Amino acid sequence: MAQNQTNNYNALFTTIAVAAFVGLAAAFVLSIEKIHLLMQPDAILSCTVNLVLNCATVMKTWQSSLFGFPNPFIGLMAYPVVITLAIGYLAGARYKPWFMVGAQIGALLGLIFAYWLFFQSVYVIEVLCPWCLFVTVVTTIIFDAFLRFNLLENTFNLSKNTHAKIIKLLKKDYDKLIVASWLVLMVVLVVVKFGKSLWG
């Protein structure tokens, strides 16, 4: 593997590790806050900013425990796996294609769940959880980093012609542009929905 490619891959897995650490921290805080809320239902949590940015309100909805237990517990289980995978790569481990396909599927499921919660918060609950927004952003970054690696390595066994075209797009960082544009769009949706109430 060329040195430049090695550096690129190390940067990708460093990004994955850092994003997963942030996600784990958010999941940990949310788990503590959920326990605090169960003990004191009227408690004002650290992530309660105003009527719109209010974790406590979100935590009292059915969406916050979709599988019968608090959603942050999923993060406490999932992010350490991602961190271990990333640090393992940086330490010299190299994974089989089937393993990386599994990692991509896991990242995709996490992404779908994060955005389901995001749109539920914005358009159904109509209240935002600040820590949950961090989780949504880092989950997006993790998914994109895994996808970039898998596309560069042709983990999905694409044809040579298709792979060559994708490599050209990746070298121009179009995937990063798409992710950045997507996140900006999410911000716009939030601002349009809540307007001045975000700061009230």
Protein backbone atom coordinates (compact mmCIF):
# COMPACT_ATOMS: atom_id res chain seq x y z
CA MET A 1 0.00 0.00 0.00
CA ALA A 2 1.38 3.39 -1.00
CA GLN A 3 2.39 5.66 1.85
CA ASN A 4 -0.11 8.32 0.79
CA GLN A 5 -2.92 5.75 0.78
CA THR A 6 -1.84 4.53 4.22
CA ASN A 7 -1.96 8.09 5.56
CA ASN A 8 -5.42 8.57 4.05
CA TYR A 9 -6.71 5.40 5.68
CA ASN A 10 -5.16 6.32 9.02
CA ALA A 11 -6.88 9.70 8.78
CA LEU A 12 -10.21 7.99 8.07
CA PHE A 13 -9.95 5.65 11.03
CA THR A 14 -8.75 8.46 13.28
CA THR A 15 -11.86 10.39 12.25
CA ILE A 16 -13.99 7.34 13.03
CA ALA A 17 -12.36 6.93 16.45
CA VAL A 18 -12.77 10.60 17.40
CA ALA A 19 -16.39 10.72 16.20
CA ALA A 20 -17.19 7.52 18.10
CA PHE A 21 -15.60 8.93 21.28
CA VAL A 22 -17.83 12.01 20.97
CA GLY A 23 -20.84 9.78 20.36
CA LEU A 24 -19.96 7.65 23.38
CA ALA A 25 -19.62 10.73 25.57
CA ALA A 26 -23.03 11.98 24.40
CA ALA A 27 -24.61 8.56 25.02
CA PHE A 28 -23.06 8.43 28.48
CA VAL A 29 -24.37 11.87 29.44
CA LEU A 30 -27.81 11.06 28.06
CA SER A 31 -27.89 7.80 30.02
CA ILE A 32 -27.00 9.60 33.24
CA GLU A 33 -29.59 12.28 32.54
CA LYS A 34 -32.24 9.62 31.84
CA ILE A 35 -31.53 7.94 35.19
CA HIS A 36 -31.63 11.34 36.90
CA LEU A 37 -34.99 12.06 35.27
CA LEU A 38 -36.40 8.71 36.39
CA MET A 39 -35.38 9.50 39.96
CA GLN A 40 -36.64 13.09 39.80
CA PRO A 41 -39.29 13.54 37.06
CA ASP A 42 -39.31 17.32 37.50
CA ALA A 43 -35.53 17.69 37.38
CA ILE A 44 -34.00 20.36 35.15
CA LEU A 45 -31.30 18.59 33.16
CA SER A 46 -27.99 20.05 32.05
CA CYS A 47 -29.10 19.87 28.42
CA THR A 48 -32.29 21.82 29.08
CA VAL A 49 -31.75 25.18 27.40
CA ASN A 50 -35.28 26.37 26.65
CA LEU A 51 -38.63 24.99 25.48
CA VAL A 52 -37.20 23.90 22.11
CA LEU A 53 -33.78 22.64 23.20
CA ASN A 54 -34.89 20.37 25.99
CA CYS A 55 -33.64 16.81 26.54
CA ALA A 56 -36.08 16.17 29.39
CA THR A 57 -39.11 16.65 27.17
CA VAL A 58 -37.69 14.32 24.51
CA MET A 59 -36.76 11.69 27.11
CA LYS A 60 -40.37 11.47 28.28
CA THR A 61 -41.65 10.40 24.85
CA TRP A 62 -42.07 6.83 23.60
CA GLN A 63 -39.54 7.53 20.85
CA SER A 64 -36.78 7.84 23.47
CA SER A 65 -37.18 4.15 24.40
CA LEU A 66 -38.08 2.61 21.07
CA PHE A 67 -36.87 -0.90 21.94
CA GLY A 68 -38.14 -0.93 25.51
CA PHE A 69 -35.06 0.66 27.09
CA PRO A 70 -33.49 4.14 26.80
CA ASN A 71 -32.00 4.76 23.35
CA PRO A 72 -28.68 6.04 24.77
CA PHE A 73 -27.96 2.51 26.01
CA ILE A 74 -27.59 1.52 22.36
CA GLY A 75 -24.83 4.11 22.01
CA LEU A 76 -23.11 2.78 25.12
CA MET A 77 -22.95 -0.63 23.41
CA ALA A 78 -22.30 0.42 19.81
CA TYR A 79 -19.73 3.21 20.03
CA PRO A 80 -17.15 1.16 22.00
CA VAL A 81 -17.27 -1.42 19.19
CA VAL A 82 -16.60 1.29 16.61
CA ILE A 83 -13.79 2.75 18.73
CA THR A 84 -12.17 -0.68 19.11
CA LEU A 85 -12.42 -1.31 15.37
CA ALA A 86 -10.84 2.04 14.54
CA ILE A 87 -8.03 1.79 17.09
CA GLY A 88 -7.40 -1.79 15.98
CA TYR A 89 -6.84 -0.58 12.41
CA LEU A 90 -4.54 2.22 13.56
CA ALA A 91 -2.58 -0.35 15.59
CA GLY A 92 -2.02 -2.50 12.50
CA ALA A 93 -5.05 -4.78 12.26
CA ARG A 94 -6.44 -5.39 8.78
CA TYR A 95 -9.97 -6.63 8.33
CA LYS A 96 -11.54 -9.04 5.87
CA PRO A 97 -13.95 -7.58 3.30
CA TRP A 98 -16.93 -9.37 4.87
CA PHE A 99 -16.07 -7.78 8.21
CA MET A 100 -15.98 -4.29 6.70
CA VAL A 101 -19.27 -4.94 4.91
CA GLY A 102 -20.71 -5.83 8.31
CA ALA A 103 -19.27 -2.63 9.78
CA GLN A 104 -20.86 -0.64 6.95
CA ILE A 105 -24.23 -2.27 7.53
CA GLY A 106 -23.96 -1.47 11.24
CA ALA A 107 -23.09 2.14 10.43
CA LEU A 108 -26.06 2.30 8.04
CA LEU A 109 -28.48 0.99 10.67
CA GLY A 110 -27.12 3.53 13.16
CA LEU A 111 -27.54 6.28 10.57
CA ILE A 112 -31.15 5.31 9.81
CA PHE A 113 -32.00 5.21 13.50
CA ALA A 114 -30.30 8.55 14.20
CA TYR A 115 -32.18 10.29 11.42
CA TRP A 116 -35.47 8.67 12.33
CA LEU A 117 -35.02 10.17 15.80
CA PHE A 118 -33.97 13.51 14.29
CA PHE A 119 -37.09 13.83 12.15
CA GLN A 120 -39.29 12.58 14.98
CA SER A 121 -37.83 15.32 17.20
CA VAL A 122 -38.22 18.06 14.62
CA TYR A 123 -41.65 17.25 13.16
CA VAL A 124 -43.47 15.04 15.69
CA ILE A 125 -42.19 15.85 19.18
CA GLU A 126 -41.23 19.37 18.06
CA VAL A 127 -38.51 19.57 20.69
CA LEU A 128 -34.78 19.01 20.19
CA CYS A 129 -32.29 17.18 22.39
CA PRO A 130 -28.88 18.92 22.04
CA TRP A 131 -26.88 15.78 22.86
CA CYS A 132 -28.94 13.79 20.36
CA LEU A 133 -27.96 16.29 17.68
CA PHE A 134 -24.29 15.55 18.43
CA VAL A 135 -25.06 11.85 18.03
CA THR A 136 -26.71 12.47 14.66
CA VAL A 137 -23.71 14.43 13.37
CA VAL A 138 -21.05 11.95 14.52
CA THR A 139 -23.07 8.99 13.24
CA THR A 140 -23.19 10.69 9.83
CA ILE A 141 -19.42 11.21 9.89
CA ILE A 142 -18.77 7.60 10.92
CA PHE A 143 -20.98 6.26 8.13
CA ASP A 144 -19.26 8.41 5.51
CA ALA A 145 -15.76 7.47 6.72
CA PHE A 146 -16.56 3.76 6.56
CA LEU A 147 -18.15 4.19 3.14
CA ARG A 148 -15.16 6.11 1.80
CA PHE A 149 -12.78 3.40 3.00
CA ASN A 150 -14.91 0.60 1.59
CA LEU A 151 -15.27 2.32 -1.76
CA LEU A 152 -11.54 3.02 -2.00
CA GLU A 153 -10.79 -0.60 -1.13
CA ASN A 154 -13.59 -1.86 -3.39
CA THR A 155 -14.93 -3.91 -0.50
CA PHE A 156 -18.25 -4.24 -2.34
CA ASN A 157 -16.52 -5.92 -5.30
CA LEU A 158 -17.65 -3.42 -7.91
CA SER A 159 -16.59 -3.76 -11.53
CA LYS A 160 -13.23 -2.22 -12.47
CA ASN A 161 -14.91 0.44 -14.60
CA THR A 162 -17.39 1.43 -11.87
CA HIS A 163 -14.68 1.41 -9.21
CA ALA A 164 -12.41 3.63 -11.33
CA LYS A 165 -15.21 6.19 -11.72
CA ILE A 166 -15.89 6.19 -7.98
CA ILE A 167 -12.20 6.66 -7.20
CA LYS A 168 -12.17 9.77 -9.39
CA LEU A 169 -15.14 11.19 -7.48
CA LEU A 170 -13.59 10.38 -4.11
CA LYS A 171 -10.30 12.03 -5.06
CA LYS A 172 -12.29 15.21 -5.63
CA ASP A 173 -13.88 14.79 -2.17
CA TYR A 174 -17.41 14.82 -3.55
CA ASP A 175 -18.52 12.55 -0.71
CA LYS A 176 -17.33 15.12 1.83
CA LEU A 177 -19.19 17.84 -0.07
CA ILE A 178 -22.37 15.76 -0.03
CA VAL A 179 -22.09 15.14 3.73
CA ALA A 180 -21.37 18.80 4.46
CA SER A 181 -24.29 19.90 2.28
CA TRP A 182 -26.56 17.37 3.98
CA LEU A 183 -25.65 18.60 7.45
CA VAL A 184 -26.20 22.20 6.37
CA LEU A 185 -29.62 21.17 5.04
CA MET A 186 -30.47 19.64 8.43
CA VAL A 187 -29.52 22.90 10.13
CA VAL A 188 -31.70 24.81 7.68
CA LEU A 189 -34.65 22.49 8.39
CA VAL A 190 -34.25 23.12 12.12
CA VAL A 191 -34.00 26.88 11.71
CA VAL A 192 -37.00 26.99 9.38
CA LYS A 193 -39.05 24.84 11.74
CA PHE A 194 -38.24 26.60 15.01
CA GLY A 195 -36.96 30.03 13.99
CA LYS A 196 -36.35 32.41 16.88
CA SER A 197 -37.68 29.86 19.36
CA LEU A 198 -34.28 28.17 19.22
CA TRP A 199 -32.77 31.09 21.10
CA GLY A 200 -35.77 32.02 23.22
